[in-house]
Amino acid sequence: MTVKELSDISGINEKTIIKNYEKIPGMQYLDNKWILPDAPRYPYNLRRNQLKNIEDRVCCLLKATADFKYVDHKMLKMPKEPFERVLKDLVEYGVLEENENDNMYGANHYDITLKYIEIKHNKKRQNVLLIAEFIGSFCGTAYSTISNVV
């Protein structure tokens, strides 16, 4: 894969990728050209995420994988063994699956499944229904209060 292809996939500028090459495991500059590992991923931006507990870390892991971004145990501030156990548990649960590339850095060897997409879609749908229910209850209460006053 070339830097341009990684740029197209990740949505990150080529110059930024080259500037941050040390953050991409396996990326090297040899013989005046950039060498990338099989199926590289640009690092996931964790700045907006708080990693207070394992739930936060699993959510970040799933988001990064869904966005085809690189994430590893160091970024999630957890030991390697529990990180690997979480990956195995997510595969057993059916929200992650092993992909066919040989890139074993962090979670690069995994992709999300349709089950994860369905769970995420259903969660969004439940949130919309809760908001609609709240608005409906509020409007109904306001309407009945106004009609009782008049």
N, C-alpha and C. Protein backbone atom coordinates (compact mmCIF):
# COMPACT_ATOMS: atom_id res chain seq x y z
N MET A 1 0.85 -1.18 0.00
CA MET A 1 0.00 0.00 0.00
C MET A 1 0.89 1.24 0.00
N THR A 2 0.43 2.28 -0.66
CA THR A 2 1.19 3.53 -0.71
C THR A 2 0.64 4.52 0.31
N VAL A 3 1.41 5.58 0.54
CA VAL A 3 0.96 6.64 1.45
C VAL A 3 -0.31 7.28 0.91
N LYS A 4 -0.39 7.44 -0.41
CA LYS A 4 -1.59 8.04 -1.02
C LYS A 4 -2.82 7.17 -0.76
N GLU A 5 -2.68 5.86 -0.89
CA GLU A 5 -3.81 4.96 -0.63
C GLU A 5 -4.24 5.03 0.83
N LEU A 6 -3.27 5.07 1.75
CA LEU A 6 -3.60 5.21 3.17
C LEU A 6 -4.29 6.54 3.42
N SER A 7 -3.84 7.58 2.75
CA SER A 7 -4.47 8.90 2.87
C SER A 7 -5.92 8.86 2.40
N ASP A 8 -6.16 8.20 1.29
CA ASP A 8 -7.53 8.10 0.76
C ASP A 8 -8.44 7.31 1.70
N ILE A 9 -7.92 6.24 2.29
CA ILE A 9 -8.72 5.40 3.18
C ILE A 9 -8.99 6.11 4.51
N SER A 10 -7.96 6.73 5.06
CA SER A 10 -8.08 7.31 6.40
C SER A 10 -8.63 8.73 6.41
N GLY A 11 -8.57 9.41 5.27
CA GLY A 11 -9.03 10.79 5.24
C GLY A 11 -8.01 11.76 5.82
N ILE A 12 -6.80 11.31 5.99
CA ILE A 12 -5.72 12.13 6.55
C ILE A 12 -4.79 12.54 5.41
N ASN A 13 -4.35 13.79 5.43
CA ASN A 13 -3.45 14.33 4.41
C ASN A 13 -2.15 13.51 4.35
N GLU A 14 -1.61 13.32 3.16
CA GLU A 14 -0.36 12.57 2.97
C GLU A 14 0.79 13.16 3.79
N LYS A 15 0.90 14.48 3.80
CA LYS A 15 1.97 15.13 4.55
C LYS A 15 1.85 14.84 6.04
N THR A 16 0.63 14.80 6.55
CA THR A 16 0.40 14.49 7.97
C THR A 16 0.80 13.05 8.27
N ILE A 17 0.47 12.15 7.37
CA ILE A 17 0.84 10.74 7.55
C ILE A 17 2.36 10.61 7.60
N ILE A 18 3.05 11.27 6.68
CA ILE A 18 4.51 11.19 6.64
C ILE A 18 5.11 11.84 7.89
N LYS A 19 4.55 12.96 8.31
CA LYS A 19 5.04 13.65 9.51
C LYS A 19 4.89 12.77 10.75
N ASN A 20 3.81 11.98 10.80
CA ASN A 20 3.52 11.14 11.96
C ASN A 20 3.84 9.66 11.70
N TYR A 21 4.81 9.40 10.84
CA TYR A 21 5.10 8.01 10.46
C TYR A 21 5.46 7.13 11.65
N GLU A 22 6.03 7.72 12.70
CA GLU A 22 6.41 6.93 13.88
C GLU A 22 5.20 6.39 14.63
N LYS A 23 4.05 7.01 14.45
CA LYS A 23 2.82 6.56 15.12
C LYS A 23 2.15 5.40 14.39
N ILE A 24 2.60 5.12 13.17
CA ILE A 24 2.01 4.04 12.36
C ILE A 24 2.95 2.84 12.44
N PRO A 25 2.58 1.81 13.19
CA PRO A 25 3.46 0.66 13.36
C PRO A 25 3.84 0.00 12.03
N GLY A 26 5.13 -0.22 11.85
CA GLY A 26 5.62 -0.90 10.66
C GLY A 26 5.96 0.02 9.50
N MET A 27 5.63 1.30 9.59
CA MET A 27 5.92 2.23 8.49
C MET A 27 7.39 2.63 8.56
N GLN A 28 8.09 2.50 7.41
CA GLN A 28 9.52 2.80 7.35
C GLN A 28 9.86 3.54 6.06
N TYR A 29 10.97 4.25 6.10
CA TYR A 29 11.47 4.94 4.91
C TYR A 29 12.75 4.23 4.47
N LEU A 30 12.68 3.49 3.37
CA LEU A 30 13.83 2.74 2.85
C LEU A 30 14.01 3.03 1.37
N ASP A 31 15.24 3.20 0.96
CA ASP A 31 15.57 3.42 -0.46
C ASP A 31 14.73 4.53 -1.08
N ASN A 32 14.63 5.65 -0.39
CA ASN A 32 13.90 6.83 -0.87
C ASN A 32 12.41 6.59 -1.12
N LYS A 33 11.82 5.62 -0.44
CA LYS A 33 10.36 5.47 -0.54
C LYS A 33 9.81 4.92 0.77
N TRP A 34 8.53 5.20 0.99
CA TRP A 34 7.86 4.78 2.21
C TRP A 34 7.35 3.35 2.07
N ILE A 35 7.68 2.52 3.05
CA ILE A 35 7.23 1.14 3.09
C ILE A 35 6.18 1.02 4.19
N LEU A 36 5.01 0.51 3.82
CA LEU A 36 3.92 0.34 4.78
C LEU A 36 3.62 -1.14 4.97
N PRO A 37 3.20 -1.53 6.18
CA PRO A 37 2.82 -2.93 6.39
C PRO A 37 1.51 -3.26 5.66
N ASP A 38 1.15 -4.51 5.65
CA ASP A 38 -0.10 -4.95 5.04
C ASP A 38 -1.27 -4.30 5.78
N ALA A 39 -2.15 -3.65 5.05
CA ALA A 39 -3.37 -3.03 5.59
C ALA A 39 -3.11 -2.12 6.80
N PRO A 40 -2.31 -1.07 6.63
CA PRO A 40 -2.05 -0.17 7.76
C PRO A 40 -3.27 0.69 8.08
N ARG A 41 -3.31 1.19 9.30
CA ARG A 41 -4.38 2.09 9.72
C ARG A 41 -3.74 3.29 10.42
N TYR A 42 -4.31 4.46 10.18
CA TYR A 42 -3.82 5.67 10.84
C TYR A 42 -4.32 5.66 12.29
N PRO A 43 -3.52 6.12 13.25
CA PRO A 43 -3.92 6.07 14.66
C PRO A 43 -5.22 6.83 14.95
N TYR A 44 -6.03 6.24 15.81
CA TYR A 44 -7.30 6.82 16.25
C TYR A 44 -7.02 7.97 17.20
N ASN A 45 -7.78 9.06 17.07
CA ASN A 45 -7.61 10.22 17.93
C ASN A 45 -8.43 10.01 19.21
N LEU A 46 -7.73 9.80 20.31
CA LEU A 46 -8.39 9.53 21.59
C LEU A 46 -8.59 10.79 22.44
N ARG A 47 -8.23 11.95 21.93
CA ARG A 47 -8.27 13.17 22.74
C ARG A 47 -9.65 13.49 23.31
N ARG A 48 -10.69 13.20 22.58
CA ARG A 48 -12.04 13.55 23.04
C ARG A 48 -12.68 12.45 23.88
N ASN A 49 -11.93 11.42 24.19
CA ASN A 49 -12.46 10.28 24.93
C ASN A 49 -11.84 10.19 26.31
N GLN A 50 -12.68 9.97 27.30
CA GLN A 50 -12.18 9.74 28.65
C GLN A 50 -12.09 8.23 28.86
N LEU A 51 -10.96 7.78 29.35
CA LEU A 51 -10.75 6.35 29.57
C LEU A 51 -10.77 6.07 31.07
N LYS A 52 -11.95 6.16 31.65
CA LYS A 52 -12.08 5.97 33.10
C LYS A 52 -12.20 4.50 33.49
N ASN A 53 -12.82 3.69 32.63
CA ASN A 53 -13.04 2.29 32.98
C ASN A 53 -12.98 1.42 31.73
N ILE A 54 -13.17 0.12 31.91
CA ILE A 54 -13.07 -0.82 30.80
C ILE A 54 -14.15 -0.56 29.76
N GLU A 55 -15.32 -0.12 30.17
CA GLU A 55 -16.40 0.18 29.22
C GLU A 55 -15.97 1.28 28.25
N ASP A 56 -15.34 2.34 28.78
CA ASP A 56 -14.85 3.43 27.93
C ASP A 56 -13.81 2.91 26.94
N ARG A 57 -12.93 2.04 27.42
CA ARG A 57 -11.87 1.51 26.56
C ARG A 57 -12.44 0.63 25.45
N VAL A 58 -13.43 -0.21 25.79
CA VAL A 58 -14.05 -1.08 24.78
C VAL A 58 -14.78 -0.23 23.75
N CYS A 59 -15.48 0.81 24.19
CA CYS A 59 -16.18 1.70 23.25
C CYS A 59 -15.19 2.35 22.29
N CYS A 60 -14.06 2.83 22.80
CA CYS A 60 -13.04 3.44 21.94
C CYS A 60 -12.45 2.42 20.97
N LEU A 61 -12.23 1.21 21.46
CA LEU A 61 -11.71 0.15 20.60
C LEU A 61 -12.67 -0.13 19.45
N LEU A 62 -13.96 -0.23 19.75
CA LEU A 62 -14.95 -0.50 18.71
C LEU A 62 -15.09 0.68 17.74
N LYS A 63 -15.08 1.90 18.27
CA LYS A 63 -15.17 3.08 17.40
C LYS A 63 -13.97 3.15 16.45
N ALA A 64 -12.78 2.92 16.99
CA ALA A 64 -11.57 2.97 16.17
C ALA A 64 -11.62 1.90 15.08
N THR A 65 -12.03 0.71 15.44
CA THR A 65 -12.11 -0.38 14.46
C THR A 65 -13.16 -0.07 13.41
N ALA A 66 -14.29 0.49 13.82
CA ALA A 66 -15.35 0.84 12.87
C ALA A 66 -14.88 1.93 11.90
N ASP A 67 -14.00 2.81 12.36
CA ASP A 67 -13.49 3.89 11.51
C ASP A 67 -12.21 3.50 10.76
N PHE A 68 -11.81 2.24 10.83
CA PHE A 68 -10.58 1.74 10.22
C PHE A 68 -9.37 2.54 10.70
N LYS A 69 -9.31 2.77 12.01
CA LYS A 69 -8.18 3.48 12.61
C LYS A 69 -7.40 2.51 13.50
N TYR A 70 -6.14 2.84 13.74
CA TYR A 70 -5.27 2.01 14.56
C TYR A 70 -5.48 2.33 16.04
N VAL A 71 -5.55 1.29 16.85
CA VAL A 71 -5.61 1.44 18.30
C VAL A 71 -4.91 0.23 18.92
N ASP A 72 -4.20 0.47 20.01
CA ASP A 72 -3.53 -0.64 20.70
C ASP A 72 -3.69 -0.48 22.21
N HIS A 73 -3.11 -1.41 22.96
CA HIS A 73 -3.27 -1.41 24.41
C HIS A 73 -2.62 -0.19 25.07
N LYS A 74 -1.54 0.31 24.51
CA LYS A 74 -0.88 1.49 25.08
C LYS A 74 -1.76 2.72 24.95
N MET A 75 -2.39 2.87 23.78
CA MET A 75 -3.27 4.03 23.55
C MET A 75 -4.47 3.99 24.50
N LEU A 76 -4.97 2.77 24.78
CA LEU A 76 -6.13 2.62 25.67
C LEU A 76 -5.73 2.54 27.14
N LYS A 77 -4.42 2.65 27.40
CA LYS A 77 -3.88 2.65 28.76
C LYS A 77 -4.30 1.40 29.53
N MET A 78 -4.02 0.25 28.92
CA MET A 78 -4.30 -1.02 29.58
C MET A 78 -3.19 -2.02 29.25
N PRO A 79 -2.98 -3.00 30.13
CA PRO A 79 -1.96 -4.02 29.85
C PRO A 79 -2.31 -4.83 28.60
N LYS A 80 -1.29 -5.43 28.00
CA LYS A 80 -1.48 -6.15 26.74
C LYS A 80 -2.39 -7.38 26.89
N GLU A 81 -2.24 -8.14 27.98
CA GLU A 81 -3.03 -9.36 28.15
C GLU A 81 -4.52 -9.07 28.24
N PRO A 82 -4.95 -8.12 29.08
CA PRO A 82 -6.39 -7.81 29.10
C PRO A 82 -6.90 -7.27 27.76
N PHE A 83 -6.06 -6.51 27.05
CA PHE A 83 -6.43 -6.00 25.73
C PHE A 83 -6.71 -7.16 24.77
N GLU A 84 -5.82 -8.14 24.77
CA GLU A 84 -6.02 -9.30 23.90
C GLU A 84 -7.23 -10.11 24.32
N ARG A 85 -7.48 -10.20 25.63
CA ARG A 85 -8.66 -10.90 26.13
C ARG A 85 -9.94 -10.20 25.69
N VAL A 86 -9.94 -8.87 25.75
CA VAL A 86 -11.10 -8.09 25.30
C VAL A 86 -11.35 -8.33 23.81
N LEU A 87 -10.29 -8.35 23.02
CA LEU A 87 -10.44 -8.63 21.59
C LEU A 87 -11.07 -10.00 21.36
N LYS A 88 -10.58 -11.02 22.10
CA LYS A 88 -11.15 -12.37 21.96
C LYS A 88 -12.61 -12.40 22.39
N ASP A 89 -12.93 -11.71 23.49
CA ASP A 89 -14.32 -11.66 23.97
C ASP A 89 -15.23 -10.99 22.95
N LEU A 90 -14.75 -9.92 22.33
CA LEU A 90 -15.56 -9.23 21.32
C LEU A 90 -15.76 -10.09 20.07
N VAL A 91 -14.77 -10.91 19.75
CA VAL A 91 -14.92 -11.85 18.64
C VAL A 91 -15.96 -12.91 19.01
N GLU A 92 -15.87 -13.44 20.23
CA GLU A 92 -16.84 -14.45 20.69
C GLU A 92 -18.25 -13.88 20.74
N TYR A 93 -18.38 -12.63 21.16
CA TYR A 93 -19.69 -11.98 21.23
C TYR A 93 -20.25 -11.70 19.84
N GLY A 94 -19.37 -11.59 18.86
CA GLY A 94 -19.80 -11.43 17.48
C GLY A 94 -19.78 -10.02 16.94
N VAL A 95 -19.17 -9.08 17.66
CA VAL A 95 -19.10 -7.70 17.16
C VAL A 95 -17.79 -7.41 16.44
N LEU A 96 -16.80 -8.27 16.62
CA LEU A 96 -15.54 -8.18 15.88
C LEU A 96 -15.26 -9.52 15.21
N GLU A 97 -14.54 -9.45 14.10
CA GLU A 97 -14.09 -10.67 13.44
C GLU A 97 -12.68 -10.45 12.92
N GLU A 98 -11.93 -11.53 12.85
CA GLU A 98 -10.57 -11.43 12.32
C GLU A 98 -10.65 -11.19 10.82
N ASN A 99 -9.81 -10.28 10.32
CA ASN A 99 -9.76 -10.06 8.88
C ASN A 99 -8.62 -10.89 8.29
N GLU A 100 -8.43 -10.79 7.01
CA GLU A 100 -7.48 -11.68 6.35
C GLU A 100 -6.10 -11.07 6.14
N ASN A 101 -5.84 -9.90 6.74
CA ASN A 101 -4.50 -9.33 6.55
C ASN A 101 -3.55 -9.87 7.61
N ASP A 102 -2.27 -9.68 7.38
CA ASP A 102 -1.25 -10.18 8.28
C ASP A 102 -0.74 -9.12 9.25
N ASN A 103 -1.41 -7.98 9.30
CA ASN A 103 -0.99 -6.88 10.16
C ASN A 103 -1.49 -7.15 11.58
N MET A 104 -0.59 -7.57 12.45
CA MET A 104 -0.96 -7.96 13.81
C MET A 104 -0.73 -6.84 14.83
N TYR A 105 -0.45 -5.62 14.38
CA TYR A 105 -0.25 -4.51 15.30
C TYR A 105 -1.59 -4.09 15.92
N GLY A 106 -1.64 -4.01 17.24
CA GLY A 106 -2.86 -3.56 17.93
C GLY A 106 -4.07 -4.35 17.49
N ALA A 107 -5.13 -3.62 17.12
CA ALA A 107 -6.38 -4.24 16.69
C ALA A 107 -6.52 -4.24 15.16
N ASN A 108 -5.41 -4.07 14.44
CA ASN A 108 -5.46 -4.02 12.97
C ASN A 108 -5.93 -5.32 12.34
N HIS A 109 -5.83 -6.41 13.07
CA HIS A 109 -6.20 -7.72 12.53
C HIS A 109 -7.70 -8.00 12.67
N TYR A 110 -8.47 -6.98 13.10
CA TYR A 110 -9.90 -7.16 13.34
C TYR A 110 -10.74 -6.11 12.61
N ASP A 111 -11.94 -6.51 12.24
CA ASP A 111 -12.93 -5.62 11.65
C ASP A 111 -14.24 -5.79 12.40
N ILE A 112 -15.11 -4.79 12.31
CA ILE A 112 -16.42 -4.90 12.94
C ILE A 112 -17.32 -5.81 12.10
N THR A 113 -18.38 -6.30 12.72
CA THR A 113 -19.33 -7.17 12.03
C THR A 113 -20.67 -6.46 11.85
N LEU A 114 -21.55 -7.09 11.12
CA LEU A 114 -22.90 -6.54 10.95
C LEU A 114 -23.64 -6.48 12.27
N LYS A 115 -23.33 -7.40 13.19
CA LYS A 115 -23.99 -7.39 14.50
C LYS A 115 -23.69 -6.08 15.23
N TYR A 116 -22.45 -5.60 15.16
CA TYR A 116 -22.09 -4.33 15.79
C TYR A 116 -22.87 -3.18 15.17
N ILE A 117 -22.97 -3.20 13.85
CA ILE A 117 -23.71 -2.14 13.15
C ILE A 117 -25.18 -2.16 13.56
N GLU A 118 -25.77 -3.35 13.68
CA GLU A 118 -27.17 -3.46 14.10
C GLU A 118 -27.35 -2.95 15.53
N ILE A 119 -26.45 -3.33 16.43
CA ILE A 119 -26.54 -2.88 17.82
C ILE A 119 -26.45 -1.36 17.88
N LYS A 120 -25.51 -0.79 17.16
CA LYS A 120 -25.34 0.67 17.16
C LYS A 120 -26.57 1.35 16.56
N HIS A 121 -27.11 0.80 15.48
CA HIS A 121 -28.30 1.36 14.85
C HIS A 121 -29.50 1.30 15.80
N ASN A 122 -29.68 0.17 16.47
CA ASN A 122 -30.80 0.02 17.41
C ASN A 122 -30.67 0.97 18.59
N LYS A 123 -29.44 1.20 19.05
CA LYS A 123 -29.22 2.14 20.15
C LYS A 123 -29.62 3.56 19.73
N LYS A 124 -29.21 3.97 18.53
CA LYS A 124 -29.59 5.29 18.03
C LYS A 124 -31.11 5.40 17.91
N ARG A 125 -31.71 4.34 17.42
CA ARG A 125 -33.17 4.32 17.25
C ARG A 125 -33.88 4.46 18.60
N GLN A 126 -33.39 3.74 19.63
CA GLN A 126 -33.97 3.83 20.97
C GLN A 126 -33.84 5.25 21.51
N ASN A 127 -32.69 5.89 21.28
CA ASN A 127 -32.50 7.27 21.74
C ASN A 127 -33.48 8.22 21.07
N VAL A 128 -33.70 8.05 19.77
CA VAL A 128 -34.66 8.89 19.05
C VAL A 128 -36.06 8.67 19.60
N LEU A 129 -36.42 7.42 19.86
CA LEU A 129 -37.75 7.11 20.41
C LEU A 129 -37.93 7.72 21.80
N LEU A 130 -36.89 7.66 22.63
CA LEU A 130 -36.96 8.26 23.97
C LEU A 130 -37.17 9.77 23.88
N ILE A 131 -36.45 10.41 22.98
CA ILE A 131 -36.59 11.86 22.80
C ILE A 131 -37.98 12.19 22.29
N ALA A 132 -38.46 11.41 21.32
CA ALA A 132 -39.80 11.64 20.78
C ALA A 132 -40.86 11.43 21.85
N GLU A 133 -40.67 10.41 22.68
CA GLU A 133 -41.62 10.15 23.77
C GLU A 133 -41.62 11.31 24.76
N PHE A 134 -40.44 11.81 25.10
CA PHE A 134 -40.34 12.94 26.02
C PHE A 134 -41.03 14.17 25.45
N ILE A 135 -40.76 14.46 24.18
CA ILE A 135 -41.37 15.63 23.53
C ILE A 135 -42.89 15.46 23.49
N GLY A 136 -43.33 14.25 23.16
CA GLY A 136 -44.77 13.98 23.12
C GLY A 136 -45.41 14.16 24.48
N SER A 137 -44.78 13.65 25.52
CA SER A 137 -45.31 13.79 26.88
C SER A 137 -45.33 15.25 27.30
N PHE A 138 -44.25 15.96 27.00
CA PHE A 138 -44.16 17.37 27.36
C PHE A 138 -45.24 18.19 26.66
N CYS A 139 -45.38 17.97 25.34
CA CYS A 139 -46.39 18.71 24.57
C CYS A 139 -47.79 18.37 25.04
N GLY A 140 -48.02 17.08 25.32
CA GLY A 140 -49.34 16.67 25.81
C GLY A 140 -49.67 17.30 27.14
N THR A 141 -48.70 17.33 28.04
CA THR A 141 -48.89 17.95 29.36
C THR A 141 -49.13 19.45 29.21
N ALA A 142 -48.33 20.09 28.38
CA ALA A 142 -48.49 21.53 28.17
C ALA A 142 -49.85 21.83 27.55
N TYR A 143 -50.27 21.05 26.59
CA TYR A 143 -51.56 21.26 25.93
C TYR A 143 -52.71 21.09 26.92
N SER A 144 -52.64 20.03 27.73
CA SER A 144 -53.74 19.81 28.69
C SER A 144 -53.76 20.89 29.76
N THR A 145 -52.58 21.38 30.16
CA THR A 145 -52.52 22.46 31.15
C THR A 145 -53.13 23.73 30.57
N ILE A 146 -52.78 24.05 29.33
CA ILE A 146 -53.32 25.25 28.69
C ILE A 146 -54.82 25.13 28.49
N SER A 147 -55.28 23.96 28.07
CA SER A 147 -56.73 23.80 27.82
C SER A 147 -57.51 23.83 29.13
N ASN A 148 -56.92 23.41 30.25
CA ASN A 148 -57.60 23.48 31.54
C ASN A 148 -57.70 24.92 32.03
N VAL A 149 -56.71 25.74 31.71
CA VAL A 149 -56.70 27.13 32.13
C VAL A 149 -57.74 27.91 31.34
N VAL A 150 -57.84 27.63 30.06
CA VAL A 150 -58.77 28.37 29.20
C VAL A 150 -60.12 27.84 29.42
